[in-house]
Structure formats: C-alpha cells, structure tokens
Amino acid sequence: MTTISLGMLAGYAQGPFFWQGEGINWTVAEASEQLGLSAGLAHDLTVWDDQWQDTLDLADVDNCGFDTDEEKHAWIERGKVLAARIKQESSVVARVDYQANGYYPNGACVF
C-alpha cells in the first residue's frame, strides 16, 4: 500500500491539503474521499476550514484574520487536534505536517 505524507495548511479560496505527486490544495471533500476519513472528521475539518475562510475581508485585505489572538490560537489548536485525528483514522497517511497557515514552519508540528 502506498502511503502519503500530508501537508495540512490553510489559505484563502483553496483547499487545506497537499501531498506530493497528487496535486495541491485538495478540498476537504476531495481529501476525505482519497484518505478514507470518516464523515465526522470531514465535517469537523470543513468547520475548521470555513472558520479560516470566514476571516477573509476583500474590502480590507490588509486586515484579514481572526478578530482576537484568542480566536486565532483556538483555531490553531483545533487544527492540531484534527491533524492528529487524520493520522489516526487514515490507513494511507504516514504523516501529517500541520502548518496552520504558516504558524508552524514546515516540519515543526508533525503527527
């Protein structure tokens, strides 16, 4: 069985998942199917990604992001929990490199 090294990031108007050889910016729905994730985890990942997407303000792009540091850190921590769940649930994911839109450098938060 081929295993995947998954990158979990966040970006505006793009999916949060990346893995080598299979394209970039997979949406939650696409990745969930490919990685064999449960409906519950897919739902939680969608909520997490939607929270990020909702911080985009096209009228004031220089001030996009969460309103408070507490909101930002809560979102980052939820993502960490979700990254660990992906690793636990998927039989094809060998590792998850969680970066939370650049908060963690590449390879700094791996499950």
C-alpha atoms as a PDB file:
ATOM      1  CA  MET A   1       0.000   0.000   0.000  1.00  0.00           C
ATOM      2  CA  THR A   2       1.297   3.451  -0.917  1.00  0.00           C
ATOM      3  CA  THR A   3       1.371   5.905   1.949  1.00  0.00           C
ATOM      4  CA  ILE A   4       1.007   9.664   1.841  1.00  0.00           C
ATOM      5  CA  SER A   5       2.901  12.433   3.584  1.00  0.00           C
ATOM      6  CA  LEU A   6       0.142  15.012   4.013  1.00  0.00           C
ATOM      7  CA  GLY A   7       0.579  18.750   4.390  1.00  0.00           C
ATOM      8  CA  MET A   8      -2.252  20.476   6.249  1.00  0.00           C
ATOM      9  CA  LEU A   9      -2.206  24.217   5.677  1.00  0.00           C
ATOM     10  CA  ALA A  10      -4.795  26.929   5.250  1.00  0.00           C
ATOM     11  CA  GLY A  11      -5.228  29.501   2.542  1.00  0.00           C
ATOM     12  CA  TYR A  12      -7.961  31.685   1.218  1.00  0.00           C
ATOM     13  CA  ALA A  13     -10.141  30.257  -1.561  1.00  0.00           C
ATOM     14  CA  GLN A  14      -8.219  26.975  -1.692  1.00  0.00           C
ATOM     15  CA  GLY A  15      -8.291  23.586  -0.039  1.00  0.00           C
ATOM     16  CA  PRO A  16      -6.136  22.967   3.053  1.00  0.00           C
ATOM     17  CA  PHE A  17      -4.419  19.738   1.948  1.00  0.00           C
ATOM     18  CA  PHE A  18      -1.324  18.987  -0.116  1.00  0.00           C
ATOM     19  CA  TRP A  19       0.540  15.798  -0.890  1.00  0.00           C
ATOM     20  CA  GLN A  20       3.361  15.120  -3.335  1.00  0.00           C
ATOM     21  CA  GLY A  21       2.527  13.701  -6.724  1.00  0.00           C
ATOM     22  CA  GLU A  22      -1.201  14.242  -6.407  1.00  0.00           C
ATOM     23  CA  GLY A  23      -1.645  17.966  -6.858  1.00  0.00           C
ATOM     24  CA  ILE A  24      -2.115  20.728  -4.397  1.00  0.00           C
ATOM     25  CA  ASN A  25      -4.880  22.388  -2.458  1.00  0.00           C
ATOM     26  CA  TRP A  26      -7.247  19.472  -2.109  1.00  0.00           C
ATOM     27  CA  THR A  27     -10.593  20.446  -0.619  1.00  0.00           C
ATOM     28  CA  VAL A  28     -11.848  18.686   2.490  1.00  0.00           C
ATOM     29  CA  ALA A  29     -14.376  16.709   0.426  1.00  0.00           C
ATOM     30  CA  GLU A  30     -11.745  15.584  -2.102  1.00  0.00           C
ATOM     31  CA  ALA A  31      -9.167  14.700   0.537  1.00  0.00           C
ATOM     32  CA  SER A  32     -11.670  12.902   2.760  1.00  0.00           C
ATOM     33  CA  GLU A  33     -12.582  10.561  -0.069  1.00  0.00           C
ATOM     34  CA  GLN A  34      -8.964   9.914  -1.077  1.00  0.00           C
ATOM     35  CA  LEU A  35      -7.746   9.459   2.504  1.00  0.00           C
ATOM     36  CA  GLY A  36     -10.697   7.422   3.765  1.00  0.00           C
ATOM     37  CA  LEU A  37     -11.730   9.842   6.513  1.00  0.00           C
ATOM     38  CA  SER A  38     -14.946   9.443   8.466  1.00  0.00           C
ATOM     39  CA  ALA A  39     -17.925  11.712   7.876  1.00  0.00           C
ATOM     40  CA  GLY A  40     -17.473  13.121  11.383  1.00  0.00           C
ATOM     41  CA  LEU A  41     -13.860  14.083  10.788  1.00  0.00           C
ATOM     42  CA  ALA A  42     -14.710  15.506   7.356  1.00  0.00           C
ATOM     43  CA  HIS A  43     -17.401  17.653   8.988  1.00  0.00           C
ATOM     44  CA  ASP A  44     -15.021  18.912  11.683  1.00  0.00           C
ATOM     45  CA  LEU A  45     -12.367  19.707   9.056  1.00  0.00           C
ATOM     46  CA  THR A  46     -14.935  21.602   6.984  1.00  0.00           C
ATOM     47  CA  VAL A  47     -15.952  23.683  10.012  1.00  0.00           C
ATOM     48  CA  TRP A  48     -12.264  24.382  10.765  1.00  0.00           C
ATOM     49  CA  ASP A  49     -11.558  25.434   7.148  1.00  0.00           C
ATOM     50  CA  ASP A  50     -14.748  27.509   6.980  1.00  0.00           C
ATOM     51  CA  GLN A  51     -13.643  29.393  10.096  1.00  0.00           C
ATOM     52  CA  TRP A  52     -10.450  30.359   8.269  1.00  0.00           C
ATOM     53  CA  GLN A  53     -12.266  31.267   5.038  1.00  0.00           C
ATOM     54  CA  ASP A  54     -14.648  33.485   7.018  1.00  0.00           C
ATOM     55  CA  THR A  55     -11.731  35.701   8.113  1.00  0.00           C
ATOM     56  CA  LEU A  56     -11.168  36.921   4.540  1.00  0.00           C
ATOM     57  CA  ASP A  57     -12.244  40.535   4.103  1.00  0.00           C
ATOM     58  CA  LEU A  58     -11.976  41.520   0.447  1.00  0.00           C
ATOM     59  CA  ALA A  59     -12.789  45.118   1.352  1.00  0.00           C
ATOM     60  CA  ASP A  60      -9.769  45.283   3.688  1.00  0.00           C
ATOM     61  CA  VAL A  61      -7.318  42.523   2.724  1.00  0.00           C
ATOM     62  CA  ASP A  62      -4.529  44.003   4.845  1.00  0.00           C
ATOM     63  CA  ASN A  63      -6.545  43.291   7.981  1.00  0.00           C
ATOM     64  CA  CYS A  64      -7.786  39.772   7.272  1.00  0.00           C
ATOM     65  CA  GLY A  65      -7.606  37.244  10.055  1.00  0.00           C
ATOM     66  CA  PHE A  66      -9.202  36.498  13.366  1.00  0.00           C
ATOM     67  CA  ASP A  67     -10.524  39.348  15.494  1.00  0.00           C
ATOM     68  CA  THR A  68      -8.575  38.325  18.604  1.00  0.00           C
ATOM     69  CA  ASP A  69      -5.442  36.362  19.438  1.00  0.00           C
ATOM     70  CA  GLU A  70      -7.629  34.017  21.492  1.00  0.00           C
ATOM     71  CA  GLU A  71      -9.738  33.171  18.429  1.00  0.00           C
ATOM     72  CA  LYS A  72      -6.606  32.622  16.359  1.00  0.00           C
ATOM     73  CA  HIS A  73      -4.972  30.345  18.912  1.00  0.00           C
ATOM     74  CA  ALA A  74      -8.187  28.370  19.458  1.00  0.00           C
ATOM     75  CA  TRP A  75      -8.385  27.783  15.688  1.00  0.00           C
ATOM     76  CA  ILE A  76      -4.718  26.714  15.581  1.00  0.00           C
ATOM     77  CA  GLU A  77      -5.245  24.259  18.453  1.00  0.00           C
ATOM     78  CA  ARG A  78      -8.396  22.799  16.834  1.00  0.00           C
ATOM     79  CA  GLY A  79      -6.362  22.215  13.693  1.00  0.00           C
ATOM     80  CA  LYS A  80      -3.703  20.372  15.683  1.00  0.00           C
ATOM     81  CA  VAL A  81      -6.323  18.025  17.098  1.00  0.00           C
ATOM     82  CA  LEU A  82      -7.749  17.466  13.613  1.00  0.00           C
ATOM     83  CA  ALA A  83      -4.296  16.730  12.177  1.00  0.00           C
ATOM     84  CA  ALA A  84      -3.773  14.060  14.836  1.00  0.00           C
ATOM     85  CA  ARG A  85      -7.210  12.589  14.046  1.00  0.00           C
ATOM     86  CA  ILE A  86      -6.321  12.361  10.345  1.00  0.00           C
ATOM     87  CA  LYS A  87      -3.186  10.397  11.222  1.00  0.00           C
ATOM     88  CA  GLN A  88      -5.210   8.079  13.471  1.00  0.00           C
ATOM     89  CA  GLU A  89      -8.066   7.496  11.022  1.00  0.00           C
ATOM     90  CA  SER A  90      -6.399   7.186   7.649  1.00  0.00           C
ATOM     91  CA  SER A  91      -4.679   3.961   6.705  1.00  0.00           C
ATOM     92  CA  VAL A  92      -2.895   5.727   3.823  1.00  0.00           C
ATOM     93  CA  VAL A  93      -1.472   8.725   5.706  1.00  0.00           C
ATOM     94  CA  ALA A  94       2.025   8.068   7.040  1.00  0.00           C
ATOM     95  CA  ARG A  95       2.463  11.559   8.495  1.00  0.00           C
ATOM     96  CA  VAL A  96       0.659  14.877   8.775  1.00  0.00           C
ATOM     97  CA  ASP A  97       2.688  18.086   8.683  1.00  0.00           C
ATOM     98  CA  TYR A  98       0.380  20.684  10.252  1.00  0.00           C
ATOM     99  CA  GLN A  99       1.287  24.295   9.459  1.00  0.00           C
ATOM    100  CA  ALA A 100      -1.866  26.341  10.218  1.00  0.00           C
ATOM    101  CA  ASN A 101      -1.293  28.952   7.514  1.00  0.00           C
ATOM    102  CA  GLY A 102       2.368  29.367   8.354  1.00  0.00           C
ATOM    103  CA  TYR A 103       2.071  29.459  12.141  1.00  0.00           C
ATOM    104  CA  TYR A 104       4.232  26.342  12.343  1.00  0.00           C
ATOM    105  CA  PRO A 105       7.223  26.096   9.987  1.00  0.00           C
ATOM    106  CA  ASN A 106       7.358  23.136   7.606  1.00  0.00           C
ATOM    107  CA  GLY A 107       8.174  20.026   9.650  1.00  0.00           C
ATOM    108  CA  ALA A 108       7.750  21.651  13.089  1.00  0.00           C
ATOM    109  CA  CYS A 109       4.368  20.112  14.009  1.00  0.00           C
ATOM    110  CA  VAL A 110       4.191  16.570  12.666  1.00  0.00           C
ATOM    111  CA  PHE A 111       1.934  13.665  13.594  1.00  0.00           C
END
